[in-house]
Amino acid sequence: MPGCFHVSADEAVREAEEALGLGVPGVMLFGLPLEKDALGTGAYAEEGVVQDAVRALKSALPELVVITDVCLCEYTDHGHCGVIVNEDVDNDASLELIAKTALSHAQAGADIVAPSDMMDGRVGVIRSVLDENGLPTVPIISYAAKYASAFTGPFRVAADSTPQFGDRRGYQMDPANAREALLEMELDVEEGADILMVKPALAYLDILARARAEFKLPLAAYNVSGEYVMVKAAARNGWLDEERVVLESLIGIKRAGADIIMTYHAKDAARWLTGGGVG
């Protein structure tokens, strides 16, 4: 994706320092291990890529809010978000490893953990594991309404996490279903989620608005890779004004009810909002 790169822990510190200087208060980390296996062991390794990056970021920039994506798909050789049993994702077998991943991130110093796997019950299991290990104040951002969306395609390619068989529609949400999103959010609130996430953002502003009317918790929205690259491609072809379209899109997400916006446009948007131009 234009303007987006795989970075090492030390490079992540430099990127985060620049972002923080522009007024971006936090980052979300996704990991790319050197090796993948069926159980995604790199996700919860003590010296894993995310764990190392968290320690480096919190040591260099203690004021930076470090959020970690908690999932197995980037670490499994099959590309699915959980454990495969009889050629299907086994929800219950996956929960232990997902909670183990969240715990390892929090123990490394992550400020917030964000499970994105969409396994049923994972928020409750993570909350229990964090509490039992003396980390009751680490918040959970739940990807409560995460749709099986074509808009996340560029990220799957960048993270080499495209499923090697089947797809994720068995555990991510049907784009046609709005009512289920509210049910999933309600269940995650009951399990102890501190912040609810809608992903993707722009194609699901109605879901975000309905969540805002229904729930009192802070809401996050993820302006995903496909939404990002469409704007970039059109701007490069001279078909639209990138700055105006990006800021208008982010305003729309905010207007729909988001308290927190995750976006690949973050640094450019921060420059535009402060009159600094594109970096």
C-alpha atoms as a PDB file:
ATOM      1  CA  MET A   1       0.000   0.000   0.000  1.00  0.00           C
ATOM      2  CA  PRO A   2       1.374   3.463  -0.809  1.00  0.00           C
ATOM      3  CA  GLY A   3       2.978   5.109   2.203  1.00  0.00           C
ATOM      4  CA  CYS A   4       2.775   1.931   4.314  1.00  0.00           C
ATOM      5  CA  PHE A   5       5.735  -0.331   5.081  1.00  0.00           C
ATOM      6  CA  HIS A   6       6.744  -3.337   7.162  1.00  0.00           C
ATOM      7  CA  VAL A   7       9.021  -2.033   9.910  1.00  0.00           C
ATOM      8  CA  SER A   8      11.326  -3.455  12.576  1.00  0.00           C
ATOM      9  CA  ALA A   9      10.950  -2.538  16.249  1.00  0.00           C
ATOM     10  CA  ASP A  10      13.519   0.267  16.056  1.00  0.00           C
ATOM     11  CA  GLU A  11      11.935   1.660  12.895  1.00  0.00           C
ATOM     12  CA  ALA A  12       8.531   1.459  14.596  1.00  0.00           C
ATOM     13  CA  VAL A  13       9.872   3.737  17.328  1.00  0.00           C
ATOM     14  CA  ARG A  14      10.952   6.311  14.746  1.00  0.00           C
ATOM     15  CA  GLU A  15       7.592   6.121  12.950  1.00  0.00           C
ATOM     16  CA  ALA A  16       5.692   6.440  16.219  1.00  0.00           C
ATOM     17  CA  GLU A  17       7.840   9.352  17.368  1.00  0.00           C
ATOM     18  CA  GLU A  18       6.994  11.208  14.158  1.00  0.00           C
ATOM     19  CA  ALA A  19       3.296  10.429  14.525  1.00  0.00           C
ATOM     20  CA  LEU A  20       3.271  11.521  18.153  1.00  0.00           C
ATOM     21  CA  GLY A  21       4.976  14.770  17.194  1.00  0.00           C
ATOM     22  CA  LEU A  22       2.185  15.419  14.700  1.00  0.00           C
ATOM     23  CA  GLY A  23      -0.454  14.946  17.382  1.00  0.00           C
ATOM     24  CA  VAL A  24      -1.384  11.309  16.762  1.00  0.00           C
ATOM     25  CA  PRO A  25      -1.717   9.952  20.312  1.00  0.00           C
ATOM     26  CA  GLY A  26      -1.466   6.223  19.696  1.00  0.00           C
ATOM     27  CA  VAL A  27      -0.574   3.355  17.392  1.00  0.00           C
ATOM     28  CA  MET A  28      -1.921  -0.135  16.759  1.00  0.00           C
ATOM     29  CA  LEU A  29       0.581  -2.930  16.190  1.00  0.00           C
ATOM     30  CA  PHE A  30       0.220  -5.917  13.872  1.00  0.00           C
ATOM     31  CA  GLY A  31       2.923  -8.571  13.780  1.00  0.00           C
ATOM     32  CA  LEU A  32       4.665 -10.389  10.924  1.00  0.00           C
ATOM     33  CA  PRO A  33       6.667 -13.357  12.269  1.00  0.00           C
ATOM     34  CA  LEU A  34       9.652 -14.877  10.523  1.00  0.00           C
ATOM     35  CA  GLU A  35       7.932 -18.270  10.544  1.00  0.00           C
ATOM     36  CA  LYS A  36       4.322 -19.415  10.690  1.00  0.00           C
ATOM     37  CA  ASP A  37       2.803 -22.655  11.926  1.00  0.00           C
ATOM     38  CA  ALA A  38      -0.582 -24.285  12.437  1.00  0.00           C
ATOM     39  CA  LEU A  39      -1.019 -22.946  15.979  1.00  0.00           C
ATOM     40  CA  GLY A  40       0.324 -19.430  15.401  1.00  0.00           C
ATOM     41  CA  THR A  41       2.930 -19.791  18.133  1.00  0.00           C
ATOM     42  CA  GLY A  42       4.631 -16.544  17.122  1.00  0.00           C
ATOM     43  CA  ALA A  43       1.556 -14.659  18.307  1.00  0.00           C
ATOM     44  CA  TYR A  44       2.181 -15.445  21.982  1.00  0.00           C
ATOM     45  CA  ALA A  45       5.956 -15.909  22.005  1.00  0.00           C
ATOM     46  CA  GLU A  46       7.636 -13.929  24.793  1.00  0.00           C
ATOM     47  CA  GLU A  47      10.146 -12.532  22.281  1.00  0.00           C
ATOM     48  CA  GLY A  48       7.603 -12.213  19.483  1.00  0.00           C
ATOM     49  CA  VAL A  49       7.676  -9.313  17.044  1.00  0.00           C
ATOM     50  CA  VAL A  50       4.775  -7.461  18.665  1.00  0.00           C
ATOM     51  CA  GLN A  51       6.028  -8.091  22.178  1.00  0.00           C
ATOM     52  CA  ASP A  52       9.478  -6.721  21.250  1.00  0.00           C
ATOM     53  CA  ALA A  53       7.944  -3.710  19.523  1.00  0.00           C
ATOM     54  CA  VAL A  54       5.723  -2.936  22.525  1.00  0.00           C
ATOM     55  CA  ARG A  55       8.708  -2.941  24.858  1.00  0.00           C
ATOM     56  CA  ALA A  56      10.709  -0.717  22.506  1.00  0.00           C
ATOM     57  CA  LEU A  57       7.870   1.773  22.054  1.00  0.00           C
ATOM     58  CA  LYS A  58       6.963   2.048  25.730  1.00  0.00           C
ATOM     59  CA  SER A  59      10.626   2.446  26.684  1.00  0.00           C
ATOM     60  CA  ALA A  60      11.261   5.223  24.161  1.00  0.00           C
ATOM     61  CA  LEU A  61       7.824   6.895  24.166  1.00  0.00           C
ATOM     62  CA  PRO A  62       6.063   6.168  27.458  1.00  0.00           C
ATOM     63  CA  GLU A  63       3.333   8.719  26.706  1.00  0.00           C
ATOM     64  CA  LEU A  64       2.353   6.953  23.461  1.00  0.00           C
ATOM     65  CA  VAL A  65      -0.783   4.807  23.658  1.00  0.00           C
ATOM     66  CA  VAL A  66       0.191   1.376  22.327  1.00  0.00           C
ATOM     67  CA  ILE A  67      -2.669  -0.850  21.188  1.00  0.00           C
ATOM     68  CA  THR A  68      -2.044  -4.383  19.956  1.00  0.00           C
ATOM     69  CA  ASP A  69      -4.145  -6.361  17.526  1.00  0.00           C
ATOM     70  CA  VAL A  70      -4.838  -9.766  19.058  1.00  0.00           C
ATOM     71  CA  CYS A  71      -5.390 -12.481  16.474  1.00  0.00           C
ATOM     72  CA  LEU A  72      -3.694 -15.567  15.064  1.00  0.00           C
ATOM     73  CA  CYS A  73      -4.199 -15.061  11.320  1.00  0.00           C
ATOM     74  CA  GLU A  74      -0.856 -13.334  10.700  1.00  0.00           C
ATOM     75  CA  TYR A  75       0.938 -16.159  12.528  1.00  0.00           C
ATOM     76  CA  THR A  76      -0.792 -19.289  11.204  1.00  0.00           C
ATOM     77  CA  ASP A  77       0.365 -21.069   8.077  1.00  0.00           C
ATOM     78  CA  HIS A  78      -3.265 -21.565   7.041  1.00  0.00           C
ATOM     79  CA  GLY A  79      -4.205 -17.891   7.408  1.00  0.00           C
ATOM     80  CA  HIS A  80      -7.249 -18.394   9.615  1.00  0.00           C
ATOM     81  CA  CYS A  81      -7.849 -16.594  12.906  1.00  0.00           C
ATOM     82  CA  GLY A  82      -7.991 -19.692  15.072  1.00  0.00           C
ATOM     83  CA  VAL A  83      -7.119 -23.359  15.473  1.00  0.00           C
ATOM     84  CA  ILE A  84      -8.131 -25.706  12.651  1.00  0.00           C
ATOM     85  CA  VAL A  85      -9.863 -28.943  13.650  1.00  0.00           C
ATOM     86  CA  ASN A  86     -11.279 -31.199  10.924  1.00  0.00           C
ATOM     87  CA  GLU A  87     -10.720 -28.482   8.310  1.00  0.00           C
ATOM     88  CA  ASP A  88     -12.769 -25.932  10.242  1.00  0.00           C
ATOM     89  CA  VAL A  89     -11.942 -23.187  12.738  1.00  0.00           C
ATOM     90  CA  ASP A  90     -12.625 -24.513  16.233  1.00  0.00           C
ATOM     91  CA  ASN A  91     -13.922 -21.612  18.303  1.00  0.00           C
ATOM     92  CA  ASP A  92     -13.329 -23.054  21.765  1.00  0.00           C
ATOM     93  CA  ALA A  93      -9.897 -24.480  20.951  1.00  0.00           C
ATOM     94  CA  SER A  94      -8.847 -21.041  19.710  1.00  0.00           C
ATOM     95  CA  LEU A  95      -9.844 -19.102  22.832  1.00  0.00           C
ATOM     96  CA  GLU A  96      -6.944 -20.283  24.994  1.00  0.00           C
ATOM     97  CA  LEU A  97      -4.339 -19.209  22.425  1.00  0.00           C
ATOM     98  CA  ILE A  98      -6.030 -15.882  21.761  1.00  0.00           C
ATOM     99  CA  ALA A  99      -6.164 -15.099  25.489  1.00  0.00           C
ATOM    100  CA  LYS A 100      -2.525 -16.202  25.805  1.00  0.00           C
ATOM    101  CA  THR A 101      -1.620 -13.749  23.053  1.00  0.00           C
ATOM    102  CA  ALA A 102      -3.467 -10.882  24.740  1.00  0.00           C
ATOM    103  CA  LEU A 103      -1.748 -11.642  28.045  1.00  0.00           C
ATOM    104  CA  SER A 104       1.703 -11.681  26.441  1.00  0.00           C
ATOM    105  CA  HIS A 105       1.032  -8.271  24.866  1.00  0.00           C
ATOM    106  CA  ALA A 106      -0.167  -6.797  28.134  1.00  0.00           C
ATOM    107  CA  GLN A 107       2.779  -8.222  30.067  1.00  0.00           C
ATOM    108  CA  ALA A 108       5.113  -6.648  27.502  1.00  0.00           C
ATOM    109  CA  GLY A 109       3.545  -3.277  28.302  1.00  0.00           C
ATOM    110  CA  ALA A 110       0.686  -2.780  25.851  1.00  0.00           C
ATOM    111  CA  ASP A 111      -1.753  -0.127  27.052  1.00  0.00           C
ATOM    112  CA  ILE A 112      -4.756  -1.716  25.329  1.00  0.00           C
ATOM    113  CA  VAL A 113      -5.390  -5.100  23.698  1.00  0.00           C
ATOM    114  CA  ALA A 114      -7.741  -5.402  20.739  1.00  0.00           C
ATOM    115  CA  PRO A 115      -8.990  -8.913  19.857  1.00  0.00           C
ATOM    116  CA  SER A 116      -9.995  -9.068  16.184  1.00  0.00           C
ATOM    117  CA  ASP A 117     -10.487 -12.814  15.727  1.00  0.00           C
ATOM    118  CA  MET A 118     -14.299 -12.792  16.136  1.00  0.00           C
ATOM    119  CA  MET A 119     -14.356 -16.027  18.144  1.00  0.00           C
ATOM    120  CA  ASP A 120     -17.400 -16.215  20.391  1.00  0.00           C
ATOM    121  CA  GLY A 121     -16.555 -15.554  24.040  1.00  0.00           C
ATOM    122  CA  ARG A 122     -13.054 -14.238  23.508  1.00  0.00           C
ATOM    123  CA  VAL A 123     -13.598 -10.941  25.356  1.00  0.00           C
ATOM    124  CA  GLY A 124     -14.713 -12.738  28.502  1.00  0.00           C
ATOM    125  CA  VAL A 125     -11.802 -15.178  28.389  1.00  0.00           C
ATOM    126  CA  ILE A 126      -9.268 -12.393  27.820  1.00  0.00           C
ATOM    127  CA  ARG A 127     -10.752 -10.328  30.642  1.00  0.00           C
ATOM    128  CA  SER A 128     -10.514 -13.263  33.026  1.00  0.00           C
ATOM    129  CA  VAL A 129      -6.922 -14.069  32.056  1.00  0.00           C
ATOM    130  CA  LEU A 130      -5.804 -10.453  32.404  1.00  0.00           C
ATOM    131  CA  ASP A 131      -7.505 -10.116  35.790  1.00  0.00           C
ATOM    132  CA  GLU A 132      -6.046 -13.387  37.060  1.00  0.00           C
ATOM    133  CA  ASN A 133      -2.548 -12.219  36.113  1.00  0.00           C
ATOM    134  CA  GLY A 134      -2.698  -8.874  37.901  1.00  0.00           C
ATOM    135  CA  LEU A 135      -3.667  -6.757  34.875  1.00  0.00           C
ATOM    136  CA  PRO A 136      -7.250  -5.733  35.653  1.00  0.00           C
ATOM    137  CA  THR A 137      -6.786  -2.175  34.367  1.00  0.00           C
ATOM    138  CA  VAL A 138      -5.681  -3.108  30.827  1.00  0.00           C
ATOM    139  CA  PRO A 139      -8.647  -2.175  28.616  1.00  0.00           C
ATOM    140  CA  ILE A 140     -10.032  -4.313  25.798  1.00  0.00           C
ATOM    141  CA  ILE A 141     -11.066  -2.864  22.460  1.00  0.00           C
ATOM    142  CA  SER A 142     -13.351  -5.467  20.977  1.00  0.00           C
ATOM    143  CA  TYR A 143     -13.700  -5.732  17.210  1.00  0.00           C
ATOM    144  CA  ALA A 144     -17.350  -6.319  18.046  1.00  0.00           C
ATOM    145  CA  ALA A 145     -18.718  -5.729  14.542  1.00  0.00           C
ATOM    146  CA  LYS A 146     -16.072  -7.033  12.147  1.00  0.00           C
ATOM    147  CA  TYR A 147     -17.435  -7.831   8.730  1.00  0.00           C
ATOM    148  CA  ALA A 148     -16.161 -10.379   6.193  1.00  0.00           C
ATOM    149  CA  SER A 149     -15.285  -7.537   3.865  1.00  0.00           C
ATOM    150  CA  ALA A 150     -13.507  -7.241   0.535  1.00  0.00           C
ATOM    151  CA  PHE A 151     -12.270  -3.845   1.737  1.00  0.00           C
ATOM    152  CA  THR A 152      -9.635  -5.551   3.917  1.00  0.00           C
ATOM    153  CA  GLY A 153      -8.024  -7.295   0.933  1.00  0.00           C
ATOM    154  CA  PRO A 154      -4.893  -5.103   0.682  1.00  0.00           C
ATOM    155  CA  PHE A 155      -4.070  -5.715   4.352  1.00  0.00           C
ATOM    156  CA  ARG A 156      -4.404  -9.490   3.944  1.00  0.00           C
ATOM    157  CA  VAL A 157      -1.903  -9.365   1.096  1.00  0.00           C
ATOM    158  CA  ALA A 158       0.486  -7.093   3.033  1.00  0.00           C
ATOM    159  CA  ALA A 159       0.320  -9.340   6.101  1.00  0.00           C
ATOM    160  CA  ASP A 160       0.422 -12.568   4.075  1.00  0.00           C
ATOM    161  CA  SER A 161      -2.650 -13.690   6.002  1.00  0.00           C
ATOM    162  CA  THR A 162      -5.046 -14.650   3.215  1.00  0.00           C
ATOM    163  CA  PRO A 163      -6.720 -17.977   4.170  1.00  0.00           C
ATOM    164  CA  GLN A 164      -5.164 -20.929   2.365  1.00  0.00           C
ATOM    165  CA  PHE A 165      -8.563 -22.590   2.101  1.00  0.00           C
ATOM    166  CA  GLY A 166     -12.142 -21.412   2.536  1.00  0.00           C
ATOM    167  CA  ASP A 167     -12.715 -17.924   3.871  1.00  0.00           C
ATOM    168  CA  ARG A 168     -13.638 -16.121   7.109  1.00  0.00           C
ATOM    169  CA  ARG A 169     -17.357 -15.818   6.574  1.00  0.00           C
ATOM    170  CA  GLY A 170     -17.946 -18.567   9.117  1.00  0.00           C
ATOM    171  CA  TYR A 171     -16.805 -16.333  11.983  1.00  0.00           C
ATOM    172  CA  GLN A 172     -16.857 -12.791  10.601  1.00  0.00           C
ATOM    173  CA  MET A 173     -20.109 -11.000   9.902  1.00  0.00           C
ATOM    174  CA  ASP A 174     -22.278 -11.016   6.784  1.00  0.00           C
ATOM    175  CA  PRO A 175     -22.229  -7.505   5.224  1.00  0.00           C
ATOM    176  CA  ALA A 176     -26.005  -7.712   4.750  1.00  0.00           C
ATOM    177  CA  ASN A 177     -26.669  -8.252   8.457  1.00  0.00           C
ATOM    178  CA  ALA A 178     -27.071  -5.168  10.640  1.00  0.00           C
ATOM    179  CA  ARG A 179     -29.023  -6.590  13.576  1.00  0.00           C
ATOM    180  CA  GLU A 180     -26.347  -9.162  14.383  1.00  0.00           C
ATOM    181  CA  ALA A 181     -23.821  -6.358  14.887  1.00  0.00           C
ATOM    182  CA  LEU A 182     -25.806  -4.941  17.780  1.00  0.00           C
ATOM    183  CA  LEU A 183     -26.181  -8.408  19.299  1.00  0.00           C
ATOM    184  CA  GLU A 184     -22.438  -9.040  19.049  1.00  0.00           C
ATOM    185  CA  MET A 185     -21.738  -5.679  20.681  1.00  0.00           C
ATOM    186  CA  GLU A 186     -24.175  -6.384  23.504  1.00  0.00           C
ATOM    187  CA  LEU A 187     -22.515  -9.737  24.187  1.00  0.00           C
ATOM    188  CA  ASP A 188     -19.058  -8.146  24.239  1.00  0.00           C
ATOM    189  CA  VAL A 189     -20.239  -5.450  26.659  1.00  0.00           C
ATOM    190  CA  GLU A 190     -21.546  -8.177  28.958  1.00  0.00           C
ATOM    191  CA  GLU A 191     -18.181  -9.974  28.747  1.00  0.00           C
ATOM    192  CA  GLY A 192     -16.234  -6.877  29.802  1.00  0.00           C
ATOM    193  CA  ALA A 193     -15.257  -4.954  26.670  1.00  0.00           C
ATOM    194  CA  ASP A 194     -14.195  -1.377  27.382  1.00  0.00           C
ATOM    195  CA  ILE A 195     -14.405  -0.039  23.803  1.00  0.00           C
ATOM    196  CA  LEU A 196     -16.379  -1.380  20.831  1.00  0.00           C
ATOM    197  CA  MET A 197     -15.018  -1.399  17.275  1.00  0.00           C
ATOM    198  CA  VAL A 198     -16.754  -1.311  13.894  1.00  0.00           C
ATOM    199  CA  LYS A 199     -14.660  -2.579  10.949  1.00  0.00           C
ATOM    200  CA  PRO A 200     -14.651  -1.480   8.145  1.00  0.00           C
ATOM    201  CA  ALA A 201     -15.750   2.099   8.734  1.00  0.00           C
ATOM    202  CA  LEU A 202     -17.003   3.852   5.609  1.00  0.00           C
ATOM    203  CA  ALA A 203     -19.206   1.060   4.269  1.00  0.00           C
ATOM    204  CA  TYR A 204     -20.694   0.540   7.739  1.00  0.00           C
ATOM    205  CA  LEU A 205     -21.444   4.048   9.003  1.00  0.00           C
ATOM    206  CA  ASP A 206     -25.028   2.970   9.640  1.00  0.00           C
ATOM    207  CA  ILE A 207     -23.758   0.294  12.040  1.00  0.00           C
ATOM    208  CA  LEU A 208     -21.612   2.867  13.798  1.00  0.00           C
ATOM    209  CA  ALA A 209     -24.559   5.267  14.140  1.00  0.00           C
ATOM    210  CA  ARG A 210     -26.821   2.518  15.473  1.00  0.00           C
ATOM    211  CA  ALA A 211     -24.162   1.504  17.986  1.00  0.00           C
ATOM    212  CA  ARG A 212     -23.784   5.124  19.102  1.00  0.00           C
ATOM    213  CA  ALA A 213     -27.515   5.294  19.821  1.00  0.00           C
ATOM    214  CA  GLU A 214     -27.511   1.963  21.649  1.00  0.00           C
ATOM    215  CA  PHE A 215     -24.329   1.865  23.753  1.00  0.00           C
ATOM    216  CA  LYS A 216     -22.613   4.220  26.191  1.00  0.00           C
ATOM    217  CA  LEU A 217     -19.114   2.755  25.778  1.00  0.00           C
ATOM    218  CA  PRO A 218     -16.561   4.568  23.598  1.00  0.00           C
ATOM    219  CA  LEU A 219     -16.733   3.526  19.956  1.00  0.00           C
ATOM    220  CA  ALA A 220     -13.824   2.955  17.591  1.00  0.00           C
ATOM    221  CA  ALA A 221     -13.978   2.703  13.807  1.00  0.00           C
ATOM    222  CA  TYR A 222     -11.325   1.154  11.576  1.00  0.00           C
ATOM    223  CA  ASN A 223     -10.838   2.987   8.261  1.00  0.00           C
ATOM    224  CA  VAL A 224      -9.406  -0.096   6.559  1.00  0.00           C
ATOM    225  CA  SER A 225      -6.814  -0.753   3.859  1.00  0.00           C
ATOM    226  CA  GLY A 226      -9.210  -0.965   0.920  1.00  0.00           C
ATOM    227  CA  GLU A 227     -10.814   2.330   1.851  1.00  0.00           C
ATOM    228  CA  TYR A 228      -7.344   3.844   2.058  1.00  0.00           C
ATOM    229  CA  VAL A 229      -5.978   2.565  -1.253  1.00  0.00           C
ATOM    230  CA  MET A 230      -9.059   3.615  -3.227  1.00  0.00           C
ATOM    231  CA  VAL A 231      -8.471   7.221  -2.218  1.00  0.00           C
ATOM    232  CA  LYS A 232      -4.745   6.956  -2.899  1.00  0.00           C
ATOM    233  CA  ALA A 233      -5.275   5.451  -6.360  1.00  0.00           C
ATOM    234  CA  ALA A 234      -7.873   8.008  -7.369  1.00  0.00           C
ATOM    235  CA  ALA A 235      -5.710  10.869  -6.116  1.00  0.00           C
ATOM    236  CA  ARG A 236      -2.701   9.593  -8.050  1.00  0.00           C
ATOM    237  CA  ASN A 237      -4.818   9.588 -11.196  1.00  0.00           C
ATOM    238  CA  GLY A 238      -5.943  13.149 -10.547  1.00  0.00           C
ATOM    239  CA  TRP A 239      -9.558  12.101 -10.122  1.00  0.00           C
ATOM    240  CA  LEU A 240     -10.088  13.719  -6.735  1.00  0.00           C
ATOM    241  CA  ASP A 241      -8.546  16.048  -4.158  1.00  0.00           C
ATOM    242  CA  GLU A 242      -6.887  13.684  -1.666  1.00  0.00           C
ATOM    243  CA  GLU A 243      -6.787  16.091   1.266  1.00  0.00           C
ATOM    244  CA  ARG A 244     -10.426  17.106   0.983  1.00  0.00           C
ATOM    245  CA  VAL A 245     -11.666  13.546   0.449  1.00  0.00           C
ATOM    246  CA  VAL A 246      -9.655  12.124   3.363  1.00  0.00           C
ATOM    247  CA  LEU A 247     -10.751  14.816   5.797  1.00  0.00           C
ATOM    248  CA  GLU A 248     -14.360  14.589   4.610  1.00  0.00           C
ATOM    249  CA  SER A 249     -14.281  10.809   5.098  1.00  0.00           C
ATOM    250  CA  LEU A 250     -12.820  11.087   8.594  1.00  0.00           C
ATOM    251  CA  ILE A 251     -15.385  13.736   9.490  1.00  0.00           C
ATOM    252  CA  GLY A 252     -18.111  11.366   8.284  1.00  0.00           C
ATOM    253  CA  ILE A 253     -16.787   8.589  10.516  1.00  0.00           C
ATOM    254  CA  LYS A 254     -16.658  10.973  13.450  1.00  0.00           C
ATOM    255  CA  ARG A 255     -20.130  12.325  12.704  1.00  0.00           C
ATOM    256  CA  ALA A 256     -21.539   8.789  12.656  1.00  0.00           C
ATOM    257  CA  GLY A 257     -20.400   8.359  16.269  1.00  0.00           C
ATOM    258  CA  ALA A 258     -16.754   7.258  16.444  1.00  0.00           C
ATOM    259  CA  ASP A 259     -14.756   8.413  19.449  1.00  0.00           C
ATOM    260  CA  ILE A 260     -11.578   6.773  18.090  1.00  0.00           C
ATOM    261  CA  ILE A 261     -10.601   6.412  14.418  1.00  0.00           C
ATOM    262  CA  MET A 262      -7.981   3.917  13.262  1.00  0.00           C
ATOM    263  CA  THR A 263      -6.710   5.037   9.855  1.00  0.00           C
ATOM    264  CA  TYR A 264      -3.729   4.682   7.548  1.00  0.00           C
ATOM    265  CA  HIS A 265      -4.236   8.360   6.725  1.00  0.00           C
ATOM    266  CA  ALA A 266      -3.348   9.382  10.302  1.00  0.00           C
ATOM    267  CA  LYS A 267      -0.052  11.190   9.712  1.00  0.00           C
ATOM    268  CA  ASP A 268      -1.196  12.974   6.562  1.00  0.00           C
ATOM    269  CA  ALA A 269      -4.482  13.969   8.195  1.00  0.00           C
ATOM    270  CA  ALA A 270      -2.613  15.336  11.207  1.00  0.00           C
ATOM    271  CA  ARG A 271      -0.406  17.418   8.902  1.00  0.00           C
ATOM    272  CA  TRP A 272      -3.376  18.751   6.966  1.00  0.00           C
ATOM    273  CA  LEU A 273      -5.229  19.648  10.146  1.00  0.00           C
ATOM    274  CA  THR A 274      -2.232  21.628  11.385  1.00  0.00           C
ATOM    275  CA  GLY A 275      -1.380  23.142   7.999  1.00  0.00           C
ATOM    276  CA  GLY A 276       1.754  21.087   7.479  1.00  0.00           C
ATOM    277  CA  GLY A 277       0.968  19.470   4.118  1.00  0.00           C
ATOM    278  CA  VAL A 278       1.659  15.877   3.067  1.00  0.00           C
ATOM    279  CA  GLY A 279       4.892  14.215   4.219  1.00  0.00           C
END
